[in-house]
Each structure stands twice: as structure tokens, then as C-alpha cells.
């Protein structure tokens, strides 16, 4: 009986020891510095206090500039001058932004000939490209607890 009790205690100790090692290895495997971040977006040069200012955030190149598929969207009443919006709780990674002054409040960037914006707009990094801008040209990294991006509107 004594021998069975001794073997049982040894098995229990081994199990507890393995559980402790497993827990420690899982904690060590957690990404270091993977804290959530806040993104502050300053939109510059809003020309009138009519309509709304809309800013959309993207993390997937396939959804870039498709507002209905944005990771996050912020919309505030437009006010002449500059405005700052905040996106909270973001994971570190690569993102891109699109902003526009929705002067007629129809919740879309109005285009001439289906491709030329007729409302003020901006993309992160202000890419100069022929054809539709690509995610890679507008992408920036969020790595710290706070990132600031400036978007000057073009009318």
C-alpha cells in the first residue's frame, strides 16, 4: 500500500511540474510588446462647415478604399479648418487611411467620370499614382502605444 501511495505522489508531482512548464512556455511565447495602440488622425484643410468628415482605416489590401469593408470608420460633422479623430485599441501592424469631406452628406466620395474625386479627399502618405492608389503606397506601421498621421485634404 505504501509503495502505491509513493508512486501516486510521484506521478502527481510530475503532472504539476509539467503543467507549470507548459504555463511558463505559453507565457514566454506571447508576443512581446503586442499592446494595443491608439491612432490619431489629423485631417487638414477642411474648406467648409457643411456635411461630414469621414475617415476609414484599412489593414487588408483587398478592402482598401472600399469604405463598406473598412476595418474602422469614423464620421464627424465637418468644421472649417482641421480636425483630429482617434482610432483606439489597434493591434500593431500595417494600416492605410482614406479621408474625405462628404459635403453633401450622402456617405460616399462623389466622383466625376467614375474616377476623379469632386469632394475633398486624402490618403495616408499622399501617394501620387496613375490609376487607383494601392494599399502599399498608402501603408504605414503602427508599432507603439500612439501613432499620429496627418492627412491634408485635396479639393
Protein backbone atom coordinates (compact mmCIF):
# COMPACT_ATOMS: atom_id res chain seq x y z
CA UNK A 1 0.00 0.00 0.00
CA UNK A 2 2.83 2.33 0.89
CA UNK A 3 4.52 1.71 -2.49
CA UNK A 4 1.33 2.60 -4.39
CA UNK A 5 0.98 5.84 -2.43
CA UNK A 6 4.63 6.77 -3.17
CA UNK A 7 4.17 6.14 -6.95
CA UNK A 8 0.92 8.12 -6.95
CA UNK A 9 2.58 11.11 -5.25
CA UNK A 10 5.47 10.98 -7.74
CA UNK A 11 3.00 11.00 -10.67
CA UNK A 12 1.11 13.91 -9.15
CA UNK A 13 4.33 15.91 -8.70
CA UNK A 14 5.37 15.18 -12.29
CA UNK A 15 1.98 16.29 -13.56
CA UNK A 16 2.13 19.54 -11.56
CA UNK A 17 5.68 20.16 -12.75
CA UNK A 18 4.71 19.61 -16.40
CA UNK A 19 1.69 21.90 -16.01
CA UNK A 20 3.98 24.62 -14.62
CA UNK A 21 6.43 24.23 -17.51
CA UNK A 22 3.60 24.36 -20.04
CA UNK A 23 2.21 27.53 -18.47
CA UNK A 24 5.63 29.17 -18.45
CA UNK A 25 6.27 28.30 -22.09
CA UNK A 26 2.88 29.67 -23.15
CA UNK A 27 3.59 32.94 -21.36
CA UNK A 28 7.02 33.17 -22.95
CA UNK A 29 5.51 32.57 -26.40
CA UNK A 30 3.17 35.58 -26.10
CA UNK A 31 4.35 38.35 -28.43
CA UNK A 32 6.39 40.94 -26.59
CA UNK A 33 5.10 44.48 -26.93
CA UNK A 34 1.83 43.38 -28.53
CA UNK A 35 -0.07 46.06 -26.68
CA UNK A 36 -2.97 47.84 -28.24
CA UNK A 37 -2.30 51.22 -29.82
CA UNK A 38 -4.21 54.41 -30.50
CA UNK A 39 -4.07 56.20 -33.85
CA UNK A 40 -4.64 59.95 -34.01
CA UNK A 41 -5.55 61.21 -37.48
CA UNK A 42 -5.34 64.95 -38.16
CA UNK A 43 -7.30 65.92 -41.26
CA UNK A 44 -6.13 69.32 -42.54
CA UNK A 45 -7.71 71.91 -44.75
CA UNK A 46 -11.45 71.28 -44.43
CA UNK A 47 -12.83 74.11 -46.56
CA UNK A 48 -16.39 74.43 -45.22
CA UNK A 49 -18.59 73.57 -42.25
CA UNK A 50 -21.09 71.57 -44.29
CA UNK A 51 -21.60 67.83 -44.48
CA UNK A 52 -19.38 65.30 -42.70
CA UNK A 53 -15.75 64.34 -42.46
CA UNK A 54 -15.30 60.59 -42.96
CA UNK A 55 -12.11 58.68 -42.21
CA UNK A 56 -11.76 54.95 -42.86
CA UNK A 57 -8.97 52.66 -41.66
CA UNK A 58 -7.80 49.57 -43.55
CA UNK A 59 -5.49 46.67 -42.71
CA UNK A 60 -6.24 44.48 -45.73
CA UNK A 61 -5.04 45.45 -49.23
CA UNK A 62 -8.13 43.77 -50.75
CA UNK A 63 -10.52 46.12 -48.95
CA UNK A 64 -8.52 49.36 -49.32
CA UNK A 65 -10.72 52.33 -50.34
CA UNK A 66 -13.90 50.21 -50.05
CA UNK A 67 -15.48 52.09 -47.19
CA UNK A 68 -18.14 49.45 -46.51
CA UNK A 69 -15.33 46.94 -45.88
CA UNK A 70 -13.08 49.20 -43.77
CA UNK A 71 -11.64 47.88 -40.53
CA UNK A 72 -12.92 51.01 -38.76
CA UNK A 73 -14.80 54.11 -39.85
CA UNK A 74 -15.19 57.47 -38.11
CA UNK A 75 -17.57 60.21 -39.21
CA UNK A 76 -17.99 63.64 -37.63
CA UNK A 77 -19.70 66.85 -38.70
CA UNK A 78 -17.33 68.89 -40.86
CA UNK A 79 -15.92 72.11 -39.45
CA UNK A 80 -13.78 74.51 -41.44
CA UNK A 81 -10.07 74.11 -40.69
CA UNK A 82 -8.51 70.99 -39.17
CA UNK A 83 -9.99 68.06 -37.23
CA UNK A 84 -8.47 65.21 -35.25
CA UNK A 85 -10.08 61.78 -34.96
CA UNK A 86 -8.91 58.81 -32.90
CA UNK A 87 -9.00 55.08 -33.55
CA UNK A 88 -8.49 53.14 -30.32
CA UNK A 89 -7.42 49.61 -29.50
CA UNK A 90 -5.46 48.77 -32.64
CA UNK A 91 -3.05 45.86 -32.85
CA UNK A 92 0.48 46.61 -34.06
CA UNK A 93 0.66 46.20 -37.82
CA UNK A 94 0.37 47.82 -41.23
CA UNK A 95 -2.57 50.12 -41.98
CA UNK A 96 -3.75 52.68 -44.54
CA UNK A 97 -6.21 55.57 -44.29
CA UNK A 98 -8.69 57.29 -46.56
CA UNK A 99 -10.45 60.53 -45.60
CA UNK A 100 -12.93 62.70 -47.43
CA UNK A 101 -15.16 65.69 -46.89
CA UNK A 102 -18.65 64.38 -47.63
CA UNK A 103 -20.07 67.82 -48.38
CA UNK A 104 -23.49 66.57 -49.50
CA UNK A 105 -23.81 64.00 -46.64
CA UNK A 106 -24.52 61.05 -48.93
CA UNK A 107 -21.95 58.79 -47.18
CA UNK A 108 -19.80 58.31 -50.27
CA UNK A 109 -16.92 60.01 -52.05
CA UNK A 110 -18.51 61.52 -55.15
CA UNK A 111 -16.54 61.06 -58.35
CA UNK A 112 -16.54 62.70 -61.78
CA UNK A 113 -16.38 60.21 -64.66
CA UNK A 114 -16.33 57.44 -62.05
CA UNK A 115 -12.72 58.12 -61.06
CA UNK A 116 -11.95 61.78 -60.23
CA UNK A 117 -12.99 62.90 -56.72
CA UNK A 118 -15.17 66.02 -56.67
CA UNK A 119 -15.13 66.25 -52.86
CA UNK A 120 -12.03 66.87 -50.77
CA UNK A 121 -10.13 63.66 -50.10
CA UNK A 122 -6.83 62.36 -48.73
CA UNK A 123 -4.94 59.08 -48.46
CA UNK A 124 -2.19 58.29 -46.00
CA UNK A 125 1.27 59.05 -47.45
CA UNK A 126 -0.45 61.15 -50.18
CA UNK A 127 0.52 58.72 -52.98
CA UNK A 128 0.95 60.12 -56.47
CA UNK A 129 -0.13 57.44 -58.90
CA UNK A 130 -1.76 56.95 -62.23
CA UNK A 131 -4.87 54.87 -61.71
CA UNK A 132 -6.34 53.68 -58.43
CA UNK A 133 -3.99 54.11 -55.44
CA UNK A 134 -2.71 50.89 -53.92
CA UNK A 135 -2.63 49.89 -50.26
CA UNK A 136 1.19 49.52 -50.38
CA UNK A 137 1.56 53.19 -51.41
CA UNK A 138 -0.56 54.41 -48.50
CA UNK A 139 0.51 51.90 -45.85
CA UNK A 140 2.20 52.90 -42.60
CA UNK A 141 3.14 50.98 -39.47
CA UNK A 142 1.65 51.16 -36.02
CA UNK A 143 4.16 49.81 -33.54
CA UNK A 144 3.92 51.90 -30.38
CA UNK A 145 1.17 52.87 -27.99
CA UNK A 146 0.42 56.02 -30.01
CA UNK A 147 0.78 56.91 -33.69
CA UNK A 148 -0.07 60.24 -35.34
CA UNK A 149 -0.84 60.71 -39.03
CA UNK A 150 -1.62 63.93 -40.91
CA UNK A 151 -3.94 63.92 -43.94
CA UNK A 152 -4.12 67.17 -45.94
CA UNK A 153 -7.32 67.22 -48.00
CA UNK A 154 -7.13 67.88 -51.73
CA UNK A 155 -10.14 69.52 -53.37
